Amino acid sequence: IQREIGITTIFVTHDQEEALTMSDRIGILRDGRLVQEGPPEEIYDRPQSEFAATFLGDANIFRGDATGNGIRLPDGTAIAAASGASLSAGAKASCAVRPERIQISTGSATSEAGYANTVRGQVSKRIFAGNNSTYFVDRDGQTLKVIVQNTGAERLAEGQEVMLSWSPESTVLIAA
């Protein structure tokens, strides 16, 4: 209605889906302070903080030391990011990746698929939701969330070893 009559409207909500679908711009507040503002797609795809990443949808957060174009996890695994903060090498940082951007398989990932980021884990839980399934994967004490479409996708069992893969373009570097 507000678009049809051309008036500016400020709408306050805690419903993230409502904010994403109804807004031209979103402001995320934390403790009374504006932490990020912009178009919904920009905030969802390029959050500037862990708080923004996890407040507006689900996000898997990896923490480590900045390498210039990503981070190195404590176990030595490198995570490449194509966007986000510019950080000095060695600075504490994190990377965020959305659950729907991760591929899950029982085999090994190939660089040909464009998935430079890979980690191994073990399926701890699967939730079937009709058109998609959500997998919870344990990796070194961290639970990662992966959402896959049920369009002939392989069904993975609890306890099964898996490879998670995603592209640097799906990864956002965030200052700690």
N, C-alpha and C. Protein backbone atom coordinates (compact mmCIF):
# COMPACT_ATOMS: atom_id res chain seq x y z
N ILE A 1 0.83 -1.19 0.00
CA ILE A 1 0.00 0.00 0.00
C ILE A 1 0.88 1.25 0.00
N GLN A 2 1.93 1.25 0.88
CA GLN A 2 2.77 2.44 0.96
C GLN A 2 3.50 2.72 -0.35
N ARG A 3 3.84 1.70 -1.12
CA ARG A 3 4.47 1.91 -2.42
C ARG A 3 3.48 2.51 -3.42
N GLU A 4 2.23 2.03 -3.36
CA GLU A 4 1.21 2.52 -4.29
C GLU A 4 0.90 4.00 -4.08
N ILE A 5 0.89 4.43 -2.83
CA ILE A 5 0.57 5.84 -2.58
C ILE A 5 1.82 6.70 -2.42
N GLY A 6 2.99 6.06 -2.44
CA GLY A 6 4.24 6.80 -2.46
C GLY A 6 4.63 7.48 -1.18
N ILE A 7 4.35 6.85 -0.03
CA ILE A 7 4.74 7.46 1.24
C ILE A 7 5.86 6.65 1.89
N THR A 8 6.69 7.35 2.62
CA THR A 8 7.75 6.70 3.37
C THR A 8 7.16 6.10 4.64
N THR A 9 7.53 4.86 4.92
CA THR A 9 6.99 4.17 6.08
C THR A 9 8.13 3.54 6.86
N ILE A 10 8.13 3.71 8.16
CA ILE A 10 9.07 3.01 9.03
C ILE A 10 8.29 1.90 9.70
N PHE A 11 8.76 0.69 9.51
CA PHE A 11 8.07 -0.49 10.02
C PHE A 11 9.02 -1.21 10.97
N VAL A 12 8.62 -1.40 12.21
CA VAL A 12 9.45 -2.07 13.20
C VAL A 12 8.96 -3.50 13.36
N THR A 13 9.88 -4.46 13.21
CA THR A 13 9.51 -5.87 13.34
C THR A 13 10.69 -6.68 13.85
N HIS A 14 10.38 -7.79 14.47
CA HIS A 14 11.40 -8.77 14.86
C HIS A 14 11.30 -9.99 13.96
N ASP A 15 10.39 -9.96 13.01
CA ASP A 15 10.20 -11.07 12.08
C ASP A 15 11.11 -10.85 10.87
N GLN A 16 12.19 -11.64 10.78
CA GLN A 16 13.18 -11.44 9.73
C GLN A 16 12.59 -11.63 8.34
N GLU A 17 11.73 -12.63 8.16
CA GLU A 17 11.13 -12.86 6.84
C GLU A 17 10.28 -11.67 6.42
N GLU A 18 9.54 -11.13 7.37
CA GLU A 18 8.72 -9.96 7.11
C GLU A 18 9.60 -8.77 6.70
N ALA A 19 10.70 -8.58 7.40
CA ALA A 19 11.61 -7.48 7.08
C ALA A 19 12.20 -7.66 5.69
N LEU A 20 12.60 -8.87 5.34
CA LEU A 20 13.20 -9.13 4.03
C LEU A 20 12.21 -8.91 2.89
N THR A 21 10.97 -9.31 3.08
CA THR A 21 10.00 -9.25 1.98
C THR A 21 9.30 -7.90 1.84
N MET A 22 9.21 -7.12 2.91
CA MET A 22 8.44 -5.88 2.86
C MET A 22 9.29 -4.62 2.75
N SER A 23 10.60 -4.75 2.86
CA SER A 23 11.44 -3.55 3.00
C SER A 23 12.25 -3.22 1.76
N ASP A 24 12.42 -1.92 1.54
CA ASP A 24 13.38 -1.43 0.55
C ASP A 24 14.75 -1.30 1.21
N ARG A 25 14.73 -0.95 2.50
CA ARG A 25 15.95 -0.82 3.29
C ARG A 25 15.66 -1.37 4.68
N ILE A 26 16.70 -1.93 5.28
CA ILE A 26 16.59 -2.50 6.62
C ILE A 26 17.67 -1.89 7.50
N GLY A 27 17.32 -1.61 8.73
CA GLY A 27 18.29 -1.20 9.74
C GLY A 27 18.29 -2.24 10.84
N ILE A 28 19.47 -2.74 11.19
CA ILE A 28 19.58 -3.72 12.27
C ILE A 28 20.14 -3.01 13.49
N LEU A 29 19.39 -3.08 14.59
CA LEU A 29 19.79 -2.44 15.84
C LEU A 29 20.24 -3.49 16.84
N ARG A 30 21.26 -3.14 17.62
CA ARG A 30 21.71 -3.99 18.72
C ARG A 30 22.01 -3.08 19.90
N ASP A 31 21.35 -3.34 21.01
CA ASP A 31 21.52 -2.52 22.21
C ASP A 31 21.33 -1.04 21.90
N GLY A 32 20.34 -0.73 21.06
CA GLY A 32 20.03 0.65 20.73
C GLY A 32 20.94 1.30 19.71
N ARG A 33 21.88 0.55 19.15
CA ARG A 33 22.80 1.10 18.16
C ARG A 33 22.58 0.45 16.80
N LEU A 34 22.69 1.26 15.77
CA LEU A 34 22.56 0.76 14.40
C LEU A 34 23.85 0.03 14.02
N VAL A 35 23.76 -1.28 13.74
CA VAL A 35 24.95 -2.06 13.38
C VAL A 35 25.10 -2.24 11.88
N GLN A 36 23.99 -2.18 11.14
CA GLN A 36 24.07 -2.25 9.68
C GLN A 36 22.76 -1.76 9.10
N GLU A 37 22.89 -1.10 7.94
CA GLU A 37 21.72 -0.55 7.26
C GLU A 37 21.95 -0.70 5.76
N GLY A 38 20.86 -1.04 5.04
CA GLY A 38 20.97 -1.15 3.60
C GLY A 38 19.83 -1.96 3.02
N PRO A 39 19.88 -2.22 1.71
CA PRO A 39 18.86 -3.05 1.07
C PRO A 39 18.88 -4.47 1.64
N PRO A 40 17.74 -5.15 1.70
CA PRO A 40 17.68 -6.49 2.28
C PRO A 40 18.70 -7.48 1.70
N GLU A 41 18.82 -7.52 0.37
CA GLU A 41 19.76 -8.46 -0.24
C GLU A 41 21.19 -8.17 0.15
N GLU A 42 21.55 -6.90 0.24
CA GLU A 42 22.91 -6.53 0.62
C GLU A 42 23.23 -6.98 2.04
N ILE A 43 22.31 -6.74 2.96
CA ILE A 43 22.54 -7.14 4.35
C ILE A 43 22.59 -8.65 4.47
N TYR A 44 21.72 -9.35 3.76
CA TYR A 44 21.70 -10.81 3.82
C TYR A 44 22.96 -11.41 3.20
N ASP A 45 23.36 -10.90 2.05
CA ASP A 45 24.51 -11.46 1.33
C ASP A 45 25.86 -10.98 1.85
N ARG A 46 25.91 -9.77 2.44
CA ARG A 46 27.17 -9.21 2.90
C ARG A 46 27.04 -8.59 4.29
N PRO A 47 26.75 -9.40 5.29
CA PRO A 47 26.65 -8.85 6.65
C PRO A 47 28.01 -8.31 7.09
N GLN A 48 27.98 -7.25 7.89
CA GLN A 48 29.22 -6.62 8.35
C GLN A 48 29.64 -7.06 9.74
N SER A 49 28.83 -7.90 10.38
CA SER A 49 29.17 -8.39 11.71
C SER A 49 28.55 -9.78 11.90
N GLU A 50 29.08 -10.51 12.87
CA GLU A 50 28.48 -11.81 13.19
C GLU A 50 27.04 -11.62 13.63
N PHE A 51 26.79 -10.55 14.39
CA PHE A 51 25.43 -10.29 14.85
C PHE A 51 24.47 -10.12 13.68
N ALA A 52 24.84 -9.29 12.70
CA ALA A 52 23.97 -9.07 11.54
C ALA A 52 23.79 -10.36 10.76
N ALA A 53 24.85 -11.15 10.63
CA ALA A 53 24.78 -12.41 9.88
C ALA A 53 23.80 -13.39 10.52
N THR A 54 23.81 -13.47 11.84
CA THR A 54 22.96 -14.44 12.52
C THR A 54 21.59 -13.88 12.88
N PHE A 55 21.45 -12.56 12.91
CA PHE A 55 20.15 -11.96 13.21
C PHE A 55 19.22 -12.06 12.01
N LEU A 56 19.75 -11.81 10.83
CA LEU A 56 18.94 -11.82 9.61
C LEU A 56 19.17 -13.15 8.88
N GLY A 57 18.51 -14.19 9.35
CA GLY A 57 18.67 -15.52 8.77
C GLY A 57 19.71 -16.33 9.51
N ASP A 58 19.89 -17.55 9.05
CA ASP A 58 20.89 -18.43 9.65
C ASP A 58 22.24 -18.22 8.97
N ALA A 59 23.30 -18.40 9.73
CA ALA A 59 24.65 -18.31 9.17
C ALA A 59 25.57 -19.23 9.95
N ASN A 60 26.44 -19.90 9.22
CA ASN A 60 27.52 -20.67 9.84
C ASN A 60 28.70 -19.72 10.00
N ILE A 61 29.25 -19.64 11.20
CA ILE A 61 30.35 -18.73 11.48
C ILE A 61 31.61 -19.55 11.75
N PHE A 62 32.67 -19.21 11.02
CA PHE A 62 33.98 -19.82 11.25
C PHE A 62 34.89 -18.73 11.79
N ARG A 63 35.66 -19.02 12.85
CA ARG A 63 36.55 -18.03 13.46
C ARG A 63 38.00 -18.46 13.32
N GLY A 64 38.85 -17.47 13.06
CA GLY A 64 40.27 -17.75 12.91
C GLY A 64 41.06 -16.47 12.75
N ASP A 65 42.20 -16.59 12.06
CA ASP A 65 43.07 -15.45 11.81
C ASP A 65 42.99 -15.05 10.34
N ALA A 66 42.90 -13.75 10.09
CA ALA A 66 42.79 -13.24 8.72
C ALA A 66 44.03 -13.60 7.91
N THR A 67 43.79 -13.91 6.63
CA THR A 67 44.89 -14.23 5.71
C THR A 67 44.95 -13.24 4.56
N GLY A 68 44.15 -12.23 4.58
CA GLY A 68 44.08 -11.27 3.48
C GLY A 68 42.82 -11.46 2.67
N ASN A 69 42.57 -12.69 2.22
CA ASN A 69 41.36 -12.97 1.44
C ASN A 69 40.49 -14.03 2.11
N GLY A 70 40.62 -14.15 3.41
CA GLY A 70 39.85 -15.15 4.15
C GLY A 70 40.42 -15.33 5.53
N ILE A 71 40.28 -16.55 6.06
CA ILE A 71 40.82 -16.85 7.39
C ILE A 71 41.48 -18.22 7.39
N ARG A 72 42.33 -18.42 8.40
CA ARG A 72 42.89 -19.74 8.67
C ARG A 72 42.33 -20.16 10.02
N LEU A 73 41.66 -21.32 10.02
CA LEU A 73 41.08 -21.85 11.25
C LEU A 73 42.18 -22.37 12.16
N PRO A 74 41.89 -22.54 13.46
CA PRO A 74 42.90 -23.05 14.38
C PRO A 74 43.51 -24.39 13.95
N ASP A 75 42.75 -25.22 13.22
CA ASP A 75 43.30 -26.51 12.77
C ASP A 75 44.09 -26.39 11.47
N GLY A 76 44.25 -25.16 10.95
CA GLY A 76 45.03 -24.94 9.73
C GLY A 76 44.22 -24.87 8.46
N THR A 77 42.93 -25.18 8.52
CA THR A 77 42.07 -25.12 7.34
C THR A 77 41.92 -23.68 6.87
N ALA A 78 42.09 -23.45 5.57
CA ALA A 78 41.93 -22.12 4.99
C ALA A 78 40.51 -21.97 4.45
N ILE A 79 39.89 -20.84 4.76
CA ILE A 79 38.56 -20.49 4.25
C ILE A 79 38.73 -19.21 3.44
N ALA A 80 38.43 -19.28 2.15
CA ALA A 80 38.56 -18.12 1.26
C ALA A 80 37.24 -17.37 1.18
N ALA A 81 37.33 -16.04 1.17
CA ALA A 81 36.14 -15.18 1.06
C ALA A 81 36.34 -14.20 -0.08
N ALA A 82 35.31 -14.02 -0.88
CA ALA A 82 35.39 -13.10 -2.02
C ALA A 82 34.92 -11.70 -1.66
N SER A 83 34.28 -11.54 -0.50
CA SER A 83 33.80 -10.21 -0.11
C SER A 83 33.90 -10.05 1.39
N GLY A 84 33.76 -8.81 1.82
CA GLY A 84 33.76 -8.53 3.24
C GLY A 84 34.83 -7.53 3.63
N ALA A 85 35.20 -7.56 4.88
CA ALA A 85 36.14 -6.60 5.46
C ALA A 85 37.54 -6.77 4.88
N SER A 86 38.29 -5.67 4.85
CA SER A 86 39.72 -5.72 4.50
C SER A 86 40.48 -5.76 5.81
N LEU A 87 41.19 -6.85 6.03
CA LEU A 87 41.87 -7.04 7.31
C LEU A 87 43.34 -7.35 7.10
N SER A 88 44.16 -6.96 8.06
CA SER A 88 45.57 -7.30 8.03
C SER A 88 45.75 -8.77 8.37
N ALA A 89 46.73 -9.39 7.73
CA ALA A 89 47.01 -10.80 8.01
C ALA A 89 47.30 -10.99 9.49
N GLY A 90 46.71 -12.02 10.07
CA GLY A 90 46.90 -12.34 11.47
C GLY A 90 45.85 -11.75 12.40
N ALA A 91 45.08 -10.78 11.93
CA ALA A 91 44.03 -10.18 12.76
C ALA A 91 42.94 -11.22 13.03
N LYS A 92 42.35 -11.15 14.20
CA LYS A 92 41.23 -12.05 14.51
C LYS A 92 40.06 -11.70 13.60
N ALA A 93 39.45 -12.73 13.03
CA ALA A 93 38.37 -12.51 12.07
C ALA A 93 37.45 -13.72 12.05
N SER A 94 36.35 -13.57 11.35
CA SER A 94 35.45 -14.69 11.14
C SER A 94 34.93 -14.64 9.71
N CYS A 95 34.38 -15.74 9.28
CA CYS A 95 33.74 -15.84 7.97
C CYS A 95 32.33 -16.37 8.19
N ALA A 96 31.39 -15.82 7.43
CA ALA A 96 30.01 -16.27 7.50
C ALA A 96 29.61 -16.88 6.17
N VAL A 97 28.88 -18.00 6.24
CA VAL A 97 28.34 -18.63 5.04
C VAL A 97 26.93 -19.12 5.36
N ARG A 98 26.00 -18.84 4.47
CA ARG A 98 24.60 -19.22 4.66
C ARG A 98 24.41 -20.72 4.43
N PRO A 99 23.52 -21.36 5.20
CA PRO A 99 23.30 -22.81 5.09
C PRO A 99 22.90 -23.29 3.70
N GLU A 100 22.16 -22.47 2.97
CA GLU A 100 21.71 -22.89 1.64
C GLU A 100 22.80 -22.77 0.58
N ARG A 101 23.93 -22.18 0.93
CA ARG A 101 25.02 -22.01 -0.03
C ARG A 101 26.06 -23.13 0.06
N ILE A 102 25.86 -24.05 0.99
CA ILE A 102 26.81 -25.14 1.20
C ILE A 102 26.33 -26.40 0.51
N GLN A 103 27.24 -27.06 -0.18
CA GLN A 103 26.97 -28.37 -0.79
C GLN A 103 27.42 -29.44 0.20
N ILE A 104 26.69 -30.53 0.28
CA ILE A 104 27.03 -31.62 1.18
C ILE A 104 27.10 -32.91 0.37
N SER A 105 28.15 -33.68 0.60
CA SER A 105 28.31 -34.93 -0.16
C SER A 105 29.10 -35.94 0.67
N THR A 106 29.05 -37.17 0.22
CA THR A 106 29.82 -38.22 0.89
C THR A 106 31.19 -38.38 0.26
N GLY A 107 31.38 -37.82 -0.93
CA GLY A 107 32.67 -37.91 -1.62
C GLY A 107 33.54 -36.73 -1.29
N SER A 108 34.59 -36.56 -2.08
CA SER A 108 35.47 -35.41 -1.89
C SER A 108 35.08 -34.32 -2.86
N ALA A 109 35.23 -33.10 -2.45
CA ALA A 109 34.88 -31.96 -3.30
C ALA A 109 35.92 -31.78 -4.38
N THR A 110 35.51 -31.23 -5.49
CA THR A 110 36.45 -30.97 -6.58
C THR A 110 36.54 -29.48 -6.82
N SER A 111 37.73 -29.01 -7.09
CA SER A 111 37.92 -27.58 -7.36
C SER A 111 37.23 -27.19 -8.66
N GLU A 112 36.98 -28.15 -9.54
CA GLU A 112 36.30 -27.86 -10.80
C GLU A 112 34.90 -27.32 -10.56
N ALA A 113 34.28 -27.71 -9.47
CA ALA A 113 32.93 -27.24 -9.16
C ALA A 113 32.94 -25.81 -8.61
N GLY A 114 34.12 -25.24 -8.39
CA GLY A 114 34.22 -23.88 -7.87
C GLY A 114 34.11 -23.79 -6.37
N TYR A 115 34.22 -24.91 -5.70
CA TYR A 115 34.09 -24.92 -4.24
C TYR A 115 35.47 -24.98 -3.60
N ALA A 116 36.11 -23.83 -3.47
CA ALA A 116 37.45 -23.77 -2.91
C ALA A 116 37.45 -24.07 -1.41
N ASN A 117 36.32 -23.87 -0.76
CA ASN A 117 36.23 -24.08 0.68
C ASN A 117 35.64 -25.45 0.97
N THR A 118 36.35 -26.26 1.73
CA THR A 118 35.86 -27.58 2.09
C THR A 118 36.24 -27.92 3.52
N VAL A 119 35.31 -28.54 4.22
CA VAL A 119 35.57 -29.08 5.55
C VAL A 119 34.86 -30.42 5.67
N ARG A 120 35.41 -31.28 6.48
CA ARG A 120 34.78 -32.58 6.74
C ARG A 120 33.99 -32.50 8.04
N GLY A 121 32.98 -33.35 8.14
CA GLY A 121 32.18 -33.41 9.35
C GLY A 121 31.36 -34.68 9.39
N GLN A 122 30.51 -34.76 10.39
CA GLN A 122 29.67 -35.94 10.58
C GLN A 122 28.23 -35.48 10.81
N VAL A 123 27.30 -36.06 10.06
CA VAL A 123 25.89 -35.71 10.20
C VAL A 123 25.41 -36.09 11.60
N SER A 124 24.87 -35.11 12.33
CA SER A 124 24.33 -35.40 13.66
C SER A 124 22.81 -35.46 13.64
N LYS A 125 22.19 -34.81 12.63
CA LYS A 125 20.73 -34.78 12.58
C LYS A 125 20.29 -34.36 11.19
N ARG A 126 19.15 -34.89 10.76
CA ARG A 126 18.52 -34.48 9.50
C ARG A 126 17.06 -34.17 9.79
N ILE A 127 16.58 -33.04 9.31
CA ILE A 127 15.18 -32.67 9.45
C ILE A 127 14.59 -32.55 8.05
N PHE A 128 13.62 -33.41 7.75
CA PHE A 128 12.92 -33.39 6.47
C PHE A 128 11.81 -32.35 6.54
N ALA A 129 11.75 -31.46 5.55
CA ALA A 129 10.72 -30.41 5.55
C ALA A 129 10.04 -30.30 4.19
N GLY A 130 9.77 -31.44 3.57
CA GLY A 130 9.08 -31.42 2.28
C GLY A 130 10.02 -31.12 1.14
N ASN A 131 10.05 -29.86 0.70
CA ASN A 131 10.89 -29.51 -0.44
C ASN A 131 12.37 -29.39 -0.10
N ASN A 132 12.71 -29.35 1.18
CA ASN A 132 14.13 -29.33 1.54
C ASN A 132 14.39 -30.12 2.81
N SER A 133 15.66 -30.39 3.04
CA SER A 133 16.11 -31.04 4.27
C SER A 133 17.19 -30.18 4.90
N THR A 134 17.18 -30.12 6.21
CA THR A 134 18.22 -29.42 6.94
C THR A 134 19.09 -30.46 7.62
N TYR A 135 20.38 -30.37 7.37
CA TYR A 135 21.35 -31.25 8.01
C TYR A 135 22.13 -30.46 9.03
N PHE A 136 22.37 -31.07 10.18
CA PHE A 136 23.26 -30.51 11.18
C PHE A 136 24.50 -31.39 11.17
N VAL A 137 25.64 -30.75 10.98
CA VAL A 137 26.89 -31.48 10.79
C VAL A 137 27.87 -31.03 11.87
N ASP A 138 28.40 -31.99 12.62
CA ASP A 138 29.39 -31.69 13.65
C ASP A 138 30.78 -31.69 13.05
N ARG A 139 31.52 -30.63 13.37
CA ARG A 139 32.90 -30.50 12.91
C ARG A 139 33.72 -29.89 14.04
N ASP A 140 34.60 -30.67 14.62
CA ASP A 140 35.49 -30.18 15.67
C ASP A 140 34.77 -29.40 16.76
N GLY A 141 33.65 -29.94 17.25
CA GLY A 141 32.92 -29.30 18.34
C GLY A 141 31.98 -28.20 17.90
N GLN A 142 31.91 -27.90 16.62
CA GLN A 142 31.01 -26.88 16.09
C GLN A 142 29.92 -27.58 15.28
N THR A 143 28.68 -27.13 15.44
CA THR A 143 27.58 -27.68 14.64
C THR A 143 27.29 -26.71 13.50
N LEU A 144 27.39 -27.22 12.28
CA LEU A 144 27.12 -26.44 11.08
C LEU A 144 25.77 -26.83 10.52
N LYS A 145 25.08 -25.88 9.92
CA LYS A 145 23.75 -26.11 9.36
C LYS A 145 23.84 -26.03 7.84
N VAL A 146 23.23 -27.03 7.17
CA VAL A 146 23.22 -27.09 5.71
C VAL A 146 21.79 -27.35 5.27
N ILE A 147 21.29 -26.56 4.32
CA ILE A 147 19.94 -26.75 3.78
C ILE A 147 20.06 -27.16 2.32
N VAL A 148 19.45 -28.31 1.98
CA VAL A 148 19.50 -28.80 0.60
C VAL A 148 18.09 -29.03 0.09
N GLN A 149 17.90 -28.81 -1.20
CA GLN A 149 16.62 -29.08 -1.85
C GLN A 149 16.45 -30.59 -2.01
N ASN A 150 15.25 -31.08 -1.81
CA ASN A 150 14.97 -32.51 -1.96
C ASN A 150 14.54 -32.83 -3.39
N THR A 151 15.41 -32.52 -4.32
CA THR A 151 15.13 -32.80 -5.73
C THR A 151 16.07 -33.91 -6.18
N GLY A 152 15.89 -35.07 -5.60
CA GLY A 152 16.74 -36.21 -5.92
C GLY A 152 18.06 -36.21 -5.17
N ALA A 153 18.19 -35.33 -4.18
CA ALA A 153 19.42 -35.26 -3.41
C ALA A 153 19.59 -36.55 -2.59
N GLU A 154 20.83 -36.95 -2.45
CA GLU A 154 21.15 -38.14 -1.67
C GLU A 154 20.73 -37.91 -0.21
N ARG A 155 20.05 -38.89 0.37
CA ARG A 155 19.68 -38.79 1.78
C ARG A 155 20.84 -39.32 2.62
N LEU A 156 21.26 -38.51 3.53
CA LEU A 156 22.40 -38.86 4.37
C LEU A 156 21.90 -39.26 5.76
N ALA A 157 22.57 -40.24 6.33
CA ALA A 157 22.16 -40.78 7.62
C ALA A 157 22.93 -40.13 8.77
N GLU A 158 22.32 -40.12 9.94
CA GLU A 158 23.02 -39.65 11.13
C GLU A 158 24.26 -40.50 11.34
N GLY A 159 25.36 -39.85 11.67
CA GLY A 159 26.62 -40.54 11.89
C GLY A 159 27.48 -40.66 10.63
N GLN A 160 26.91 -40.34 9.49
CA GLN A 160 27.64 -40.47 8.22
C GLN A 160 28.68 -39.35 8.08
N GLU A 161 29.88 -39.73 7.62
CA GLU A 161 30.93 -38.76 7.35
C GLU A 161 30.61 -38.04 6.05
N VAL A 162 30.76 -36.71 6.04
CA VAL A 162 30.43 -35.92 4.85
C VAL A 162 31.49 -34.85 4.60
N MET A 163 31.44 -34.33 3.39
CA MET A 163 32.27 -33.20 2.99
C MET A 163 31.33 -32.03 2.72
N LEU A 164 31.64 -30.89 3.32
CA LEU A 164 30.89 -29.66 3.07
C LEU A 164 31.76 -28.77 2.17
N SER A 165 31.15 -28.23 1.13
CA SER A 165 31.89 -27.42 0.16
C SER A 165 31.09 -26.19 -0.21
N TRP A 166 31.79 -25.08 -0.43
CA TRP A 166 31.13 -23.85 -0.87
C TRP A 166 32.17 -22.94 -1.51
N SER A 167 31.69 -21.97 -2.25
CA SER A 167 32.58 -21.09 -2.99
C SER A 167 32.99 -19.87 -2.16
N PRO A 168 34.11 -19.25 -2.52
CA PRO A 168 34.49 -18.00 -1.86
C PRO A 168 33.43 -16.91 -2.04
N GLU A 169 32.70 -16.94 -3.16
CA GLU A 169 31.65 -15.95 -3.40
C GLU A 169 30.49 -16.08 -2.43
N SER A 170 30.38 -17.23 -1.78
CA SER A 170 29.32 -17.46 -0.79
C SER A 170 29.80 -17.16 0.63
N THR A 171 31.02 -16.67 0.75
CA THR A 171 31.66 -16.47 2.05
C THR A 171 31.95 -14.99 2.27
N VAL A 172 31.63 -14.49 3.46
CA VAL A 172 31.86 -13.08 3.79
C VAL A 172 32.86 -13.00 4.94
N LEU A 173 33.93 -12.24 4.74
CA LEU A 173 34.94 -12.01 5.77
C LEU A 173 34.46 -10.89 6.70
N ILE A 174 34.52 -11.14 8.01
CA ILE A 174 34.02 -10.20 9.01
C ILE A 174 35.10 -9.93 10.05
N ALA A 175 35.29 -8.68 10.40
CA ALA A 175 36.24 -8.33 11.46
C ALA A 175 35.71 -8.83 12.79
N ALA A 176 36.62 -9.32 13.64
CA ALA A 176 36.21 -9.84 14.96
C ALA A 176 35.91 -8.71 15.91
